[in-house]
């Protein structure tokens, strides 16, 4: 004998009946848009909307009473005050991570001496190096100087190897392994640098975009 299927919950039966009735009334109203047909469709549609609204209210109350189900408590907060605390914690955590990276990583800063954006970005990198303890190695694509980086080195071909076509450009490098990954191009803020370095250096950072990470013989 064939096993007997368990009875379907009556709520599903009612939902499907309501859904089918609403669809039929809508189709009838479209094909014959008399006042009565349109009114019957709109009345049933209003019942469905009211039920959905009541469901949303109950779901909200459940979320308020159950922290693990409250989406406003998961990930990035939406409340302005909580968001400020969240961002402070994120910055502190990322700063600690960058300080740890500074033991065996450096930031390569590619610039041109005639690039106004490079000159505008240089002080941010100087402050970032001082505040977070990671060395910034400035590389001049055109051989010219950059204020604040007296030990800037001329490009020895690494910019070509990394296909640096736009400056300023920042790369995170681990000299003893030759591993190097782009952090970004253009003028970046300190918070953007922290966020991007934390993302690129995370355990899954290379897996997210394997083609972005290269291995070169670094000077």
N, C-alpha and C. Protein backbone atom coordinates (compact mmCIF):
# COMPACT_ATOMS: atom_id res chain seq x y z
N UNK A 1 0.84 -1.18 0.00
CA UNK A 1 0.00 0.00 0.00
C UNK A 1 0.88 1.23 0.00
N UNK A 2 0.40 2.26 -0.66
CA UNK A 2 1.14 3.51 -0.73
C UNK A 2 1.03 4.25 0.61
N UNK A 3 2.16 4.84 1.08
CA UNK A 3 2.09 5.58 2.34
C UNK A 3 1.16 6.79 2.19
N UNK A 4 0.44 7.04 3.24
CA UNK A 4 -0.52 8.15 3.22
C UNK A 4 0.22 9.47 3.46
N UNK A 5 -0.02 10.42 2.55
CA UNK A 5 0.63 11.72 2.71
C UNK A 5 0.05 12.43 3.93
N UNK A 6 0.90 13.09 4.69
CA UNK A 6 0.39 13.81 5.86
C UNK A 6 -0.56 14.92 5.43
N UNK A 7 -1.57 15.19 6.21
CA UNK A 7 -2.52 16.25 5.83
C UNK A 7 -1.84 17.61 5.78
N UNK A 8 -2.23 18.40 4.82
CA UNK A 8 -1.64 19.72 4.67
C UNK A 8 -2.19 20.64 5.74
N UNK A 9 -1.36 21.53 6.26
CA UNK A 9 -1.85 22.49 7.26
C UNK A 9 -2.99 23.31 6.69
N UNK A 10 -4.02 23.52 7.46
CA UNK A 10 -5.17 24.29 6.95
C UNK A 10 -4.79 25.71 6.55
N UNK A 11 -3.73 26.27 7.19
CA UNK A 11 -3.31 27.62 6.84
C UNK A 11 -2.83 27.69 5.39
N UNK A 12 -2.13 26.62 4.94
CA UNK A 12 -1.66 26.60 3.56
C UNK A 12 -2.82 26.48 2.59
N UNK A 13 -3.77 25.65 2.95
CA UNK A 13 -4.95 25.48 2.10
C UNK A 13 -5.69 26.81 1.97
N UNK A 14 -5.86 27.51 3.09
CA UNK A 14 -6.56 28.79 3.07
C UNK A 14 -5.77 29.83 2.28
N UNK A 15 -4.44 29.83 2.46
CA UNK A 15 -3.61 30.80 1.75
C UNK A 15 -3.71 30.59 0.24
N UNK A 16 -3.61 29.34 -0.20
CA UNK A 16 -3.67 29.06 -1.62
C UNK A 16 -5.04 29.41 -2.19
N UNK A 17 -6.10 29.14 -1.43
CA UNK A 17 -7.44 29.48 -1.87
C UNK A 17 -7.58 31.00 -2.03
N UNK A 18 -7.05 31.74 -1.02
CA UNK A 18 -7.13 33.20 -1.06
C UNK A 18 -6.33 33.74 -2.24
N UNK A 19 -5.13 33.17 -2.45
CA UNK A 19 -4.27 33.61 -3.54
C UNK A 19 -4.94 33.37 -4.89
N UNK A 20 -5.55 32.19 -5.05
CA UNK A 20 -6.20 31.86 -6.31
C UNK A 20 -7.43 32.74 -6.53
N UNK A 21 -8.21 32.97 -5.46
CA UNK A 21 -9.39 33.83 -5.59
C UNK A 21 -9.00 35.24 -5.98
N UNK A 22 -7.95 35.76 -5.35
CA UNK A 22 -7.49 37.11 -5.67
C UNK A 22 -7.04 37.19 -7.12
N UNK A 23 -6.32 36.18 -7.59
CA UNK A 23 -5.85 36.16 -8.97
C UNK A 23 -7.03 36.12 -9.94
N UNK A 24 -8.02 35.29 -9.62
CA UNK A 24 -9.18 35.19 -10.50
C UNK A 24 -9.94 36.51 -10.56
N UNK A 25 -10.17 37.14 -9.38
CA UNK A 25 -10.89 38.40 -9.37
C UNK A 25 -10.14 39.48 -10.13
N UNK A 26 -8.82 39.45 -10.03
CA UNK A 26 -8.00 40.43 -10.76
C UNK A 26 -8.14 40.22 -12.26
N UNK A 27 -8.06 38.97 -12.70
CA UNK A 27 -8.17 38.68 -14.13
C UNK A 27 -9.56 39.05 -14.67
N UNK A 28 -10.59 38.77 -13.86
CA UNK A 28 -11.95 39.14 -14.27
C UNK A 28 -12.07 40.65 -14.41
N UNK A 29 -11.50 41.38 -13.41
CA UNK A 29 -11.57 42.84 -13.44
C UNK A 29 -10.81 43.42 -14.62
N UNK A 30 -9.72 42.76 -15.01
CA UNK A 30 -8.95 43.24 -16.16
C UNK A 30 -9.73 43.02 -17.45
N UNK A 31 -10.33 41.82 -17.58
CA UNK A 31 -11.05 41.49 -18.81
C UNK A 31 -12.39 42.21 -18.90
N UNK A 32 -13.04 42.43 -17.74
CA UNK A 32 -14.32 43.13 -17.74
C UNK A 32 -14.31 44.13 -16.59
N UNK A 33 -13.69 45.29 -16.78
CA UNK A 33 -13.50 46.26 -15.69
C UNK A 33 -14.75 47.05 -15.34
N UNK A 34 -15.80 46.33 -14.92
CA UNK A 34 -16.99 47.02 -14.43
C UNK A 34 -16.73 47.49 -13.01
N UNK A 35 -17.58 48.38 -12.54
CA UNK A 35 -17.40 48.87 -11.18
C UNK A 35 -17.48 47.74 -10.16
N UNK A 36 -18.42 46.82 -10.36
CA UNK A 36 -18.58 45.71 -9.42
C UNK A 36 -17.38 44.79 -9.41
N UNK A 37 -16.86 44.44 -10.59
CA UNK A 37 -15.70 43.54 -10.67
C UNK A 37 -14.47 44.17 -10.03
N UNK A 38 -14.23 45.43 -10.34
CA UNK A 38 -13.06 46.12 -9.77
C UNK A 38 -13.21 46.26 -8.26
N UNK A 39 -14.42 46.56 -7.81
CA UNK A 39 -14.65 46.72 -6.37
C UNK A 39 -14.39 45.41 -5.63
N UNK A 40 -14.91 44.29 -6.17
CA UNK A 40 -14.70 42.99 -5.51
C UNK A 40 -13.21 42.65 -5.41
N UNK A 41 -12.46 42.93 -6.50
CA UNK A 41 -11.02 42.68 -6.46
C UNK A 41 -10.32 43.56 -5.42
N UNK A 42 -10.67 44.84 -5.39
CA UNK A 42 -10.01 45.77 -4.48
C UNK A 42 -10.35 45.46 -3.02
N UNK A 43 -11.56 45.00 -2.77
CA UNK A 43 -11.94 44.65 -1.40
C UNK A 43 -11.13 43.46 -0.89
N UNK A 44 -10.97 42.43 -1.73
CA UNK A 44 -10.19 41.27 -1.31
C UNK A 44 -8.72 41.62 -1.21
N UNK A 45 -8.24 42.46 -2.13
CA UNK A 45 -6.84 42.88 -2.07
C UNK A 45 -6.57 43.63 -0.76
N UNK A 46 -7.52 44.44 -0.31
CA UNK A 46 -7.34 45.17 0.94
C UNK A 46 -7.27 44.21 2.12
N UNK A 47 -8.04 43.13 2.08
CA UNK A 47 -7.95 42.11 3.15
C UNK A 47 -6.56 41.49 3.20
N UNK A 48 -6.01 41.20 2.02
CA UNK A 48 -4.67 40.60 1.96
C UNK A 48 -3.63 41.58 2.49
N UNK A 49 -3.74 42.84 2.10
CA UNK A 49 -2.80 43.86 2.57
C UNK A 49 -2.87 44.01 4.08
N UNK A 50 -4.06 43.99 4.64
CA UNK A 50 -4.23 44.11 6.09
C UNK A 50 -3.58 42.93 6.82
N UNK A 51 -3.76 41.73 6.27
CA UNK A 51 -3.14 40.55 6.88
C UNK A 51 -1.62 40.66 6.84
N UNK A 52 -1.09 41.09 5.71
CA UNK A 52 0.36 41.24 5.58
C UNK A 52 0.88 42.31 6.54
N UNK A 53 0.12 43.39 6.72
CA UNK A 53 0.51 44.44 7.65
C UNK A 53 0.52 43.93 9.09
N UNK A 54 -0.50 43.13 9.43
CA UNK A 54 -0.55 42.58 10.78
C UNK A 54 0.62 41.61 11.02
N UNK A 55 0.94 40.81 9.99
CA UNK A 55 2.10 39.91 10.08
C UNK A 55 3.38 40.71 10.33
N UNK A 56 3.55 41.83 9.62
CA UNK A 56 4.75 42.66 9.79
C UNK A 56 4.82 43.22 11.21
N UNK A 57 3.67 43.61 11.77
CA UNK A 57 3.65 44.14 13.13
C UNK A 57 4.05 43.05 14.13
N UNK A 58 3.53 41.84 13.96
CA UNK A 58 3.87 40.73 14.86
C UNK A 58 5.35 40.38 14.74
N UNK A 59 5.86 40.34 13.50
CA UNK A 59 7.28 40.03 13.28
C UNK A 59 8.16 41.07 13.96
N UNK A 60 7.74 42.32 13.91
CA UNK A 60 8.51 43.39 14.56
C UNK A 60 8.54 43.20 16.07
N UNK A 61 7.39 42.86 16.65
CA UNK A 61 7.34 42.63 18.09
C UNK A 61 8.21 41.44 18.50
N UNK A 62 8.20 40.39 17.68
CA UNK A 62 9.03 39.22 17.96
C UNK A 62 10.51 39.60 17.92
N UNK A 63 10.89 40.43 16.93
CA UNK A 63 12.29 40.85 16.81
C UNK A 63 12.71 41.69 18.01
N UNK A 64 11.81 42.58 18.46
CA UNK A 64 12.14 43.41 19.62
C UNK A 64 12.37 42.57 20.87
N UNK A 65 11.63 41.47 20.97
CA UNK A 65 11.72 40.63 22.17
C UNK A 65 12.78 39.54 22.05
N UNK A 66 13.36 39.37 20.86
CA UNK A 66 14.34 38.30 20.63
C UNK A 66 15.55 38.89 19.94
N UNK A 67 16.60 39.27 20.68
CA UNK A 67 17.74 39.98 20.09
C UNK A 67 18.37 39.28 18.89
N UNK A 68 18.46 37.94 18.95
CA UNK A 68 19.14 37.24 17.85
C UNK A 68 18.33 37.28 16.55
N UNK A 69 17.06 37.69 16.62
CA UNK A 69 16.23 37.79 15.43
C UNK A 69 16.03 39.24 14.98
N UNK A 70 16.60 40.18 15.71
CA UNK A 70 16.43 41.60 15.39
C UNK A 70 17.48 42.01 14.36
N UNK A 71 17.07 42.28 13.11
CA UNK A 71 18.06 42.63 12.07
C UNK A 71 18.83 43.91 12.37
N UNK A 72 18.25 44.80 13.18
CA UNK A 72 18.96 46.05 13.50
C UNK A 72 20.13 45.83 14.44
N UNK A 73 20.21 44.63 15.05
CA UNK A 73 21.32 44.32 15.95
C UNK A 73 22.38 43.45 15.29
N UNK A 74 22.15 43.10 14.03
CA UNK A 74 23.09 42.24 13.31
C UNK A 74 23.89 43.09 12.33
N UNK A 75 25.21 42.95 12.36
CA UNK A 75 26.05 43.69 11.44
C UNK A 75 26.09 45.18 11.77
N UNK A 76 26.07 45.99 10.74
CA UNK A 76 26.21 47.44 10.90
C UNK A 76 24.91 48.05 11.44
N UNK A 77 24.96 48.77 12.57
CA UNK A 77 23.74 49.35 13.14
C UNK A 77 23.13 50.40 12.21
N UNK A 78 21.85 50.67 12.44
CA UNK A 78 21.17 51.72 11.67
C UNK A 78 20.94 52.96 12.52
N UNK A 79 20.95 52.80 13.84
CA UNK A 79 20.80 53.94 14.73
C UNK A 79 22.06 54.79 14.70
N UNK A 80 21.90 56.12 14.61
CA UNK A 80 23.06 57.02 14.43
C UNK A 80 24.04 56.91 15.60
N UNK A 81 23.53 56.87 16.83
CA UNK A 81 24.41 56.80 17.99
C UNK A 81 25.14 55.46 18.05
N UNK A 82 24.39 54.38 17.79
CA UNK A 82 25.02 53.05 17.78
C UNK A 82 26.02 52.94 16.64
N UNK A 83 25.70 53.59 15.51
CA UNK A 83 26.60 53.56 14.36
C UNK A 83 27.93 54.23 14.69
N UNK A 84 27.89 55.30 15.45
CA UNK A 84 29.12 55.99 15.85
C UNK A 84 29.99 55.09 16.72
N UNK A 85 29.36 54.38 17.67
CA UNK A 85 30.11 53.44 18.52
C UNK A 85 30.68 52.31 17.68
N UNK A 86 29.86 51.78 16.76
CA UNK A 86 30.30 50.69 15.89
C UNK A 86 31.52 51.10 15.07
N UNK A 87 31.47 52.31 14.48
CA UNK A 87 32.59 52.78 13.67
C UNK A 87 33.85 52.97 14.51
N UNK A 88 33.70 53.45 15.75
CA UNK A 88 34.85 53.60 16.63
C UNK A 88 35.49 52.25 16.93
N UNK A 89 34.67 51.25 17.20
CA UNK A 89 35.18 49.92 17.47
C UNK A 89 35.87 49.33 16.24
N UNK A 90 35.25 49.57 15.07
CA UNK A 90 35.84 49.07 13.83
C UNK A 90 37.21 49.69 13.58
N UNK A 91 37.30 51.02 13.80
CA UNK A 91 38.58 51.70 13.59
C UNK A 91 39.64 51.18 14.54
N UNK A 92 39.28 50.98 15.82
CA UNK A 92 40.24 50.48 16.80
C UNK A 92 40.71 49.09 16.44
N UNK A 93 39.77 48.24 16.04
CA UNK A 93 40.12 46.87 15.67
C UNK A 93 41.01 46.84 14.43
N UNK A 94 40.67 47.64 13.44
CA UNK A 94 41.46 47.67 12.22
C UNK A 94 42.83 48.28 12.45
N UNK A 95 42.91 49.28 13.33
CA UNK A 95 44.20 49.87 13.64
C UNK A 95 45.12 48.84 14.28
N UNK A 96 44.58 48.05 15.20
CA UNK A 96 45.37 46.99 15.84
C UNK A 96 45.84 45.98 14.80
N UNK A 97 44.96 45.65 13.86
CA UNK A 97 45.32 44.70 12.80
C UNK A 97 46.44 45.24 11.93
N UNK A 98 46.36 46.53 11.58
CA UNK A 98 47.40 47.13 10.74
C UNK A 98 48.73 47.20 11.49
N UNK A 99 48.69 47.52 12.78
CA UNK A 99 49.91 47.55 13.58
C UNK A 99 50.58 46.18 13.58
N UNK A 100 49.77 45.14 13.66
CA UNK A 100 50.31 43.78 13.61
C UNK A 100 50.91 43.47 12.24
N UNK A 101 50.24 43.92 11.19
CA UNK A 101 50.77 43.71 9.84
C UNK A 101 52.10 44.44 9.65
N UNK A 102 52.27 45.57 10.33
CA UNK A 102 53.47 46.38 10.17
C UNK A 102 54.75 45.66 10.55
N UNK A 103 54.65 44.53 11.25
CA UNK A 103 55.85 43.78 11.61
C UNK A 103 56.54 43.18 10.39
N UNK A 104 55.76 42.80 9.37
CA UNK A 104 56.39 42.18 8.20
C UNK A 104 55.76 42.62 6.88
N UNK A 105 54.96 43.70 6.92
CA UNK A 105 54.38 44.25 5.71
C UNK A 105 54.75 45.72 5.56
N UNK A 106 54.68 46.22 4.34
CA UNK A 106 54.87 47.64 4.06
C UNK A 106 53.79 48.08 3.08
N UNK A 107 53.61 49.38 2.98
CA UNK A 107 52.72 49.95 1.97
C UNK A 107 53.57 50.60 0.89
N UNK A 108 53.39 50.21 -0.35
CA UNK A 108 54.05 50.87 -1.47
C UNK A 108 53.15 52.00 -1.96
N UNK A 109 53.70 53.19 -2.02
CA UNK A 109 53.00 54.38 -2.47
C UNK A 109 53.61 54.83 -3.79
N UNK A 110 52.91 54.59 -4.89
CA UNK A 110 53.38 55.00 -6.21
C UNK A 110 52.84 56.39 -6.54
N UNK A 111 53.74 57.28 -6.97
CA UNK A 111 53.33 58.65 -7.25
C UNK A 111 54.12 59.22 -8.42
N UNK A 112 53.66 60.35 -8.91
CA UNK A 112 54.42 61.17 -9.85
C UNK A 112 54.61 62.53 -9.22
N UNK A 113 55.76 63.11 -9.43
CA UNK A 113 56.06 64.39 -8.78
C UNK A 113 55.20 65.54 -9.31
N UNK A 114 54.61 65.37 -10.50
CA UNK A 114 53.77 66.44 -11.06
C UNK A 114 52.28 66.16 -10.86
N UNK A 115 51.95 65.20 -10.02
CA UNK A 115 50.55 64.81 -9.80
C UNK A 115 50.00 65.53 -8.57
N UNK A 116 49.05 66.45 -8.73
CA UNK A 116 48.51 67.19 -7.58
C UNK A 116 47.77 66.27 -6.59
N UNK A 117 47.16 65.21 -7.11
CA UNK A 117 46.45 64.28 -6.22
C UNK A 117 47.45 63.51 -5.34
N UNK A 118 48.60 63.20 -5.91
CA UNK A 118 49.64 62.52 -5.13
C UNK A 118 50.12 63.42 -3.99
N UNK A 119 50.30 64.70 -4.29
CA UNK A 119 50.74 65.64 -3.27
C UNK A 119 49.67 65.82 -2.19
N UNK A 120 48.40 65.80 -2.59
CA UNK A 120 47.32 65.92 -1.62
C UNK A 120 47.20 64.69 -0.74
N UNK A 121 47.55 63.52 -1.31
CA UNK A 121 47.41 62.25 -0.59
C UNK A 121 48.60 61.96 0.31
N UNK A 122 49.76 62.48 -0.01
CA UNK A 122 50.99 62.18 0.72
C UNK A 122 50.88 62.45 2.23
N UNK A 123 50.34 63.61 2.68
CA UNK A 123 50.24 63.85 4.12
C UNK A 123 49.37 62.82 4.85
N UNK A 124 48.32 62.33 4.18
CA UNK A 124 47.48 61.29 4.79
C UNK A 124 48.30 60.04 5.03
N UNK A 125 49.13 59.67 4.06
CA UNK A 125 49.97 58.48 4.23
C UNK A 125 51.03 58.68 5.30
N UNK A 126 51.58 59.89 5.38
CA UNK A 126 52.55 60.17 6.44
C UNK A 126 51.90 59.99 7.81
N UNK A 127 50.72 60.57 7.99
CA UNK A 127 50.01 60.44 9.26
C UNK A 127 49.62 58.99 9.53
N UNK A 128 49.25 58.27 8.49
CA UNK A 128 48.85 56.87 8.64
C UNK A 128 50.04 56.03 9.10
N UNK A 129 51.20 56.28 8.51
CA UNK A 129 52.42 55.57 8.90
C UNK A 129 52.75 55.83 10.36
N UNK A 130 52.65 57.09 10.78
CA UNK A 130 52.98 57.46 12.15
C UNK A 130 51.98 56.90 13.15
N UNK A 131 50.69 56.92 12.78
CA UNK A 131 49.65 56.53 13.72
C UNK A 131 49.51 55.01 13.85
N UNK A 132 49.71 54.29 12.76
CA UNK A 132 49.42 52.86 12.77
C UNK A 132 50.65 51.97 12.65
N UNK A 133 51.82 52.56 12.56
CA UNK A 133 53.05 51.79 12.66
C UNK A 133 53.36 50.87 11.50
N UNK A 134 52.91 51.20 10.30
CA UNK A 134 53.27 50.40 9.13
C UNK A 134 54.06 51.29 8.18
N UNK A 135 55.22 50.82 7.72
CA UNK A 135 56.11 51.62 6.90
C UNK A 135 55.50 51.89 5.53
N UNK A 136 55.64 53.13 5.07
CA UNK A 136 55.21 53.51 3.72
C UNK A 136 56.46 53.69 2.87
N UNK A 137 56.56 52.91 1.80
CA UNK A 137 57.68 53.01 0.87
C UNK A 137 57.20 53.76 -0.36
N UNK A 138 57.71 54.98 -0.53
CA UNK A 138 57.30 55.81 -1.65
C UNK A 138 58.13 55.46 -2.88
N UNK A 139 57.45 55.28 -4.02
CA UNK A 139 58.11 54.94 -5.28
C UNK A 139 57.72 55.98 -6.32
N UNK A 140 58.72 56.70 -6.84
CA UNK A 140 58.47 57.75 -7.81
C UNK A 140 58.46 57.18 -9.22
N UNK A 141 57.31 57.27 -9.88
CA UNK A 141 57.19 56.73 -11.24
C UNK A 141 58.00 57.56 -12.23
N UNK A 142 58.10 58.89 -11.98
CA UNK A 142 58.85 59.75 -12.91
C UNK A 142 60.21 60.16 -12.36
N UNK A 143 60.58 59.63 -11.21
CA UNK A 143 61.89 59.92 -10.65
C UNK A 143 61.97 61.20 -9.85
N UNK A 144 60.86 61.96 -9.76
CA UNK A 144 60.87 63.22 -9.04
C UNK A 144 60.61 63.03 -7.55
N UNK A 145 60.81 64.09 -6.75
CA UNK A 145 60.67 64.00 -5.29
C UNK A 145 59.22 64.16 -4.85
N UNK A 146 58.99 63.86 -3.57
CA UNK A 146 57.68 64.05 -2.95
C UNK A 146 57.91 64.55 -1.54
N UNK A 147 57.42 65.75 -1.20
CA UNK A 147 57.59 66.27 0.15
C UNK A 147 57.04 65.30 1.19
N UNK A 148 57.83 65.13 2.25
CA UNK A 148 57.43 64.21 3.31
C UNK A 148 58.00 62.83 3.16
N UNK A 149 58.57 62.54 1.97
CA UNK A 149 59.16 61.22 1.73
C UNK A 149 60.56 61.41 1.14
N UNK A 150 61.50 61.86 1.99
CA UNK A 150 62.83 62.16 1.48
C UNK A 150 63.57 60.93 0.96
N UNK A 151 63.16 59.73 1.44
CA UNK A 151 63.86 58.52 0.99
C UNK A 151 63.09 57.81 -0.13
N UNK A 152 62.25 58.55 -0.85
CA UNK A 152 61.52 57.96 -1.97
C UNK A 152 62.50 57.39 -2.98
N UNK A 153 62.17 56.23 -3.50
CA UNK A 153 63.05 55.56 -4.45
C UNK A 153 62.49 55.67 -5.87
N UNK A 154 63.36 55.76 -6.86
CA UNK A 154 62.88 55.77 -8.25
C UNK A 154 62.34 54.40 -8.64
N UNK A 155 61.39 54.42 -9.55
CA UNK A 155 60.80 53.16 -10.01
C UNK A 155 61.85 52.31 -10.72
N UNK A 156 61.96 51.06 -10.31
CA UNK A 156 62.93 50.15 -10.92
C UNK A 156 62.26 49.11 -11.82
N UNK A 157 61.03 49.39 -12.20
CA UNK A 157 60.29 48.45 -13.05
C UNK A 157 59.12 47.81 -12.34
N UNK A 158 59.01 48.01 -11.01
CA UNK A 158 57.94 47.37 -10.26
C UNK A 158 56.57 47.95 -10.64
N UNK A 159 56.55 49.25 -10.98
CA UNK A 159 55.27 49.85 -11.39
C UNK A 159 54.76 49.21 -12.67
N UNK A 160 55.67 48.93 -13.58
CA UNK A 160 55.29 48.26 -14.82
C UNK A 160 54.83 46.83 -14.55
N UNK A 161 55.55 46.15 -13.66
CA UNK A 161 55.19 44.77 -13.33
C UNK A 161 53.81 44.69 -12.69
N UNK A 162 53.47 45.71 -11.91
CA UNK A 162 52.16 45.74 -11.25
C UNK A 162 51.09 46.42 -12.10
N UNK A 163 51.48 46.88 -13.28
CA UNK A 163 50.55 47.55 -14.21
C UNK A 163 49.91 48.78 -13.56
N UNK A 164 50.76 49.57 -12.93
CA UNK A 164 50.28 50.81 -12.32
C UNK A 164 50.16 51.86 -13.42
N UNK A 165 48.93 52.13 -13.83
CA UNK A 165 48.69 53.10 -14.90
C UNK A 165 48.09 54.39 -14.36
N UNK A 166 47.73 54.38 -13.07
CA UNK A 166 47.13 55.57 -12.46
C UNK A 166 47.74 55.79 -11.08
N UNK A 167 48.03 57.04 -10.77
CA UNK A 167 48.58 57.39 -9.46
C UNK A 167 47.71 58.49 -8.84
N UNK A 168 47.72 58.60 -7.52
CA UNK A 168 48.45 57.76 -6.58
C UNK A 168 47.89 56.34 -6.51
N UNK A 169 48.78 55.40 -6.15
CA UNK A 169 48.39 54.01 -6.01
C UNK A 169 49.04 53.45 -4.76
N UNK A 170 48.31 52.61 -4.04
CA UNK A 170 48.82 52.02 -2.80
C UNK A 170 48.69 50.51 -2.88
N UNK A 171 49.77 49.82 -2.52
CA UNK A 171 49.78 48.36 -2.50
C UNK A 171 50.26 47.89 -1.13
N UNK A 172 49.72 46.79 -0.66
CA UNK A 172 50.18 46.15 0.57
C UNK A 172 51.13 45.03 0.17
N UNK A 173 52.34 45.06 0.72
CA UNK A 173 53.35 44.08 0.32
C UNK A 173 53.98 43.42 1.53
N UNK A 174 54.36 42.16 1.33
CA UNK A 174 55.11 41.39 2.32
C UNK A 174 56.46 41.06 1.70
N UNK A 175 57.48 41.87 1.98
CA UNK A 175 58.74 41.75 1.24
C UNK A 175 59.38 40.37 1.25
N UNK A 176 59.34 39.68 2.38
CA UNK A 176 60.10 38.42 2.43
C UNK A 176 59.43 37.30 1.63
N UNK A 177 58.15 37.43 1.30
CA UNK A 177 57.47 36.45 0.45
C UNK A 177 57.25 36.99 -0.96
N UNK A 178 57.36 38.31 -1.13
CA UNK A 178 57.10 38.91 -2.43
C UNK A 178 55.63 39.07 -2.74
N UNK A 179 54.78 38.80 -1.77
CA UNK A 179 53.33 38.90 -1.98
C UNK A 179 52.90 40.35 -1.94
N UNK A 180 52.14 40.78 -2.95
CA UNK A 180 51.74 42.18 -3.01
C UNK A 180 50.33 42.28 -3.59
N UNK A 181 49.49 43.11 -2.95
CA UNK A 181 48.09 43.24 -3.35
C UNK A 181 47.70 44.71 -3.41
N UNK A 182 46.90 45.10 -4.39
CA UNK A 182 46.47 46.51 -4.48
C UNK A 182 45.48 46.86 -3.37
N UNK A 183 45.67 48.06 -2.81
CA UNK A 183 44.75 48.59 -1.81
C UNK A 183 43.81 49.60 -2.46
N UNK A 184 44.32 50.37 -3.41
CA UNK A 184 43.44 51.31 -4.10
C UNK A 184 44.22 52.34 -4.88
N UNK A 185 43.49 53.07 -5.71
CA UNK A 185 44.04 54.12 -6.54
C UNK A 185 43.30 55.42 -6.25
N UNK A 186 43.98 56.52 -6.42
CA UNK A 186 43.36 57.81 -6.12
C UNK A 186 43.57 58.19 -4.67
N UNK A 187 42.99 59.32 -4.29
CA UNK A 187 43.14 59.84 -2.93
C UNK A 187 42.17 59.09 -2.01
N UNK A 188 42.71 58.48 -0.96
CA UNK A 188 41.92 57.71 0.00
C UNK A 188 42.01 58.36 1.38
N UNK A 189 40.98 58.21 2.16
CA UNK A 189 40.99 58.70 3.53
C UNK A 189 41.63 57.66 4.44
N UNK A 190 41.92 58.05 5.67
CA UNK A 190 42.50 57.12 6.63
C UNK A 190 41.55 55.96 6.91
N UNK A 191 40.26 56.25 7.05
CA UNK A 191 39.30 55.19 7.33
C UNK A 191 39.19 54.22 6.15
N UNK A 192 39.30 54.74 4.92
CA UNK A 192 39.27 53.86 3.75
C UNK A 192 40.51 52.97 3.71
N UNK A 193 41.66 53.54 4.05
CA UNK A 193 42.88 52.73 4.09
C UNK A 193 42.76 51.61 5.12
N UNK A 194 42.26 51.95 6.31
CA UNK A 194 42.09 50.94 7.35
C UNK A 194 41.16 49.83 6.90
N UNK A 195 40.03 50.22 6.33
CA UNK A 195 39.04 49.23 5.91
C UNK A 195 39.59 48.32 4.81
N UNK A 196 40.24 48.92 3.83
CA UNK A 196 40.73 48.13 2.70
C UNK A 196 41.88 47.22 3.09
N UNK A 197 42.79 47.72 3.92
CA UNK A 197 43.91 46.88 4.35
C UNK A 197 43.40 45.72 5.18
N UNK A 198 42.42 45.98 6.06
CA UNK A 198 41.85 44.91 6.87
C UNK A 198 41.18 43.86 6.00
N UNK A 199 40.49 44.28 4.95
CA UNK A 199 39.80 43.35 4.06
C UNK A 199 40.79 42.53 3.24
N UNK A 200 41.78 43.21 2.66
CA UNK A 200 42.76 42.53 1.80
C UNK A 200 43.59 41.53 2.59
N UNK A 201 43.91 41.87 3.84
CA UNK A 201 44.78 41.01 4.65
C UNK A 201 44.02 39.96 5.44
N UNK A 202 42.69 39.94 5.33
CA UNK A 202 41.91 38.96 6.07
C UNK A 202 42.17 37.56 5.51
N UNK A 203 41.86 36.50 6.29
CA UNK A 203 42.10 35.13 5.81
C UNK A 203 41.44 34.83 4.47
N UNK A 204 40.29 35.45 4.20
CA UNK A 204 39.60 35.20 2.93
C UNK A 204 39.87 36.27 1.89
N UNK A 205 40.74 37.22 2.23
CA UNK A 205 40.98 38.34 1.32
C UNK A 205 41.49 37.91 -0.03
N UNK A 206 42.48 37.03 -0.07
CA UNK A 206 43.04 36.59 -1.35
C UNK A 206 42.05 35.72 -2.11
N UNK A 207 41.26 34.93 -1.38
CA UNK A 207 40.28 34.06 -2.04
C UNK A 207 39.19 34.85 -2.74
N UNK A 208 38.89 36.05 -2.22
CA UNK A 208 37.85 36.87 -2.84
C UNK A 208 38.23 37.29 -4.26
N UNK A 209 39.51 37.60 -4.48
CA UNK A 209 39.96 38.05 -5.79
C UNK A 209 41.40 37.57 -6.01
N UNK A 210 41.56 36.28 -6.32
CA UNK A 210 42.92 35.71 -6.42
C UNK A 210 43.80 36.42 -7.44
N UNK A 211 43.21 36.91 -8.54
CA UNK A 211 44.02 37.52 -9.60
C UNK A 211 44.65 38.85 -9.16
N UNK A 212 44.16 39.46 -8.08
CA UNK A 212 44.68 40.75 -7.66
C UNK A 212 46.01 40.63 -6.92
N UNK A 213 46.27 39.46 -6.35
CA UNK A 213 47.49 39.26 -5.58
C UNK A 213 48.59 38.70 -6.47
N UNK A 214 49.77 39.32 -6.40
CA UNK A 214 50.90 38.87 -7.19
C UNK A 214 52.08 38.56 -6.28
N UNK A 215 53.04 37.88 -6.83
CA UNK A 215 54.30 37.60 -6.11
C UNK A 215 55.45 38.07 -6.97
N UNK A 216 56.19 39.04 -6.42
CA UNK A 216 57.31 39.64 -7.14
C UNK A 216 58.54 39.62 -6.27
N UNK A 217 59.69 39.76 -6.91
CA UNK A 217 60.94 39.91 -6.17
C UNK A 217 61.04 41.37 -5.74
N UNK A 218 60.65 41.64 -4.49
CA UNK A 218 60.62 43.02 -4.02
C UNK A 218 61.98 43.47 -3.53
N UNK A 219 62.31 44.75 -3.75
CA UNK A 219 63.61 45.29 -3.31
C UNK A 219 63.66 45.41 -1.80
